[in-house]
């Protein structure tokens, strides 16, 4: 999702909690990794790997001149044929220490194995951040959590776009003032129309 689309999405969501909530979470992420020179570990669940968030954070790290945002993607299943950057297994979480940050993305229950490793990483001094859909044990282990309940009109993937974009901003501006207006569903529908409309004809 490019900067124009993120800006449009923020405009659509003005008047809701999401612009400020995603910026606060992004500020926590950036504030955790930058002072320590990086050390960002990104992990999903056994059924969900946050590929897109990893890619967006890599892009934001490059565009913003903040290499500390570049994550190490930790995977539940690693194959011998995988390239080095995709060969980091769950043992890396067990090795996490003070000065490192663990970002967990969990659209479903993480499972006892991952929760146990997250708990150990926190006890060892790592900062734990979590993006989830609520209803699991993960928030009790995280220093900062942003939950996107499945009943909301905004999904976890879209929130990940907002978080990664905000993390890459060289100054995290205050969220726009809350305002009344059209219902969120109507504004999201209008955004979808803008994003899918063909480009204007050029004569």
Foldseek 3Di string as FASTA:
>chain_A
DDPVLLVLVLVLCFQHCQLQQLLVLLCVVLVLQQVLVAQEEEEEALVDFPPVLLVLQCVLCVVLVNVNSNYQYEHCDADPPDDPSRRHYLVVLLVAAASHEYEYEYADARDPVNVVSLQNNVVRHYAYEYEYQDDYDVVVSHPYYDHNHPVDPDDSVVSSVSNSVSNSDPDRDHRDHRDDDDDSVVSVVVSVCVVPPDDDDDD
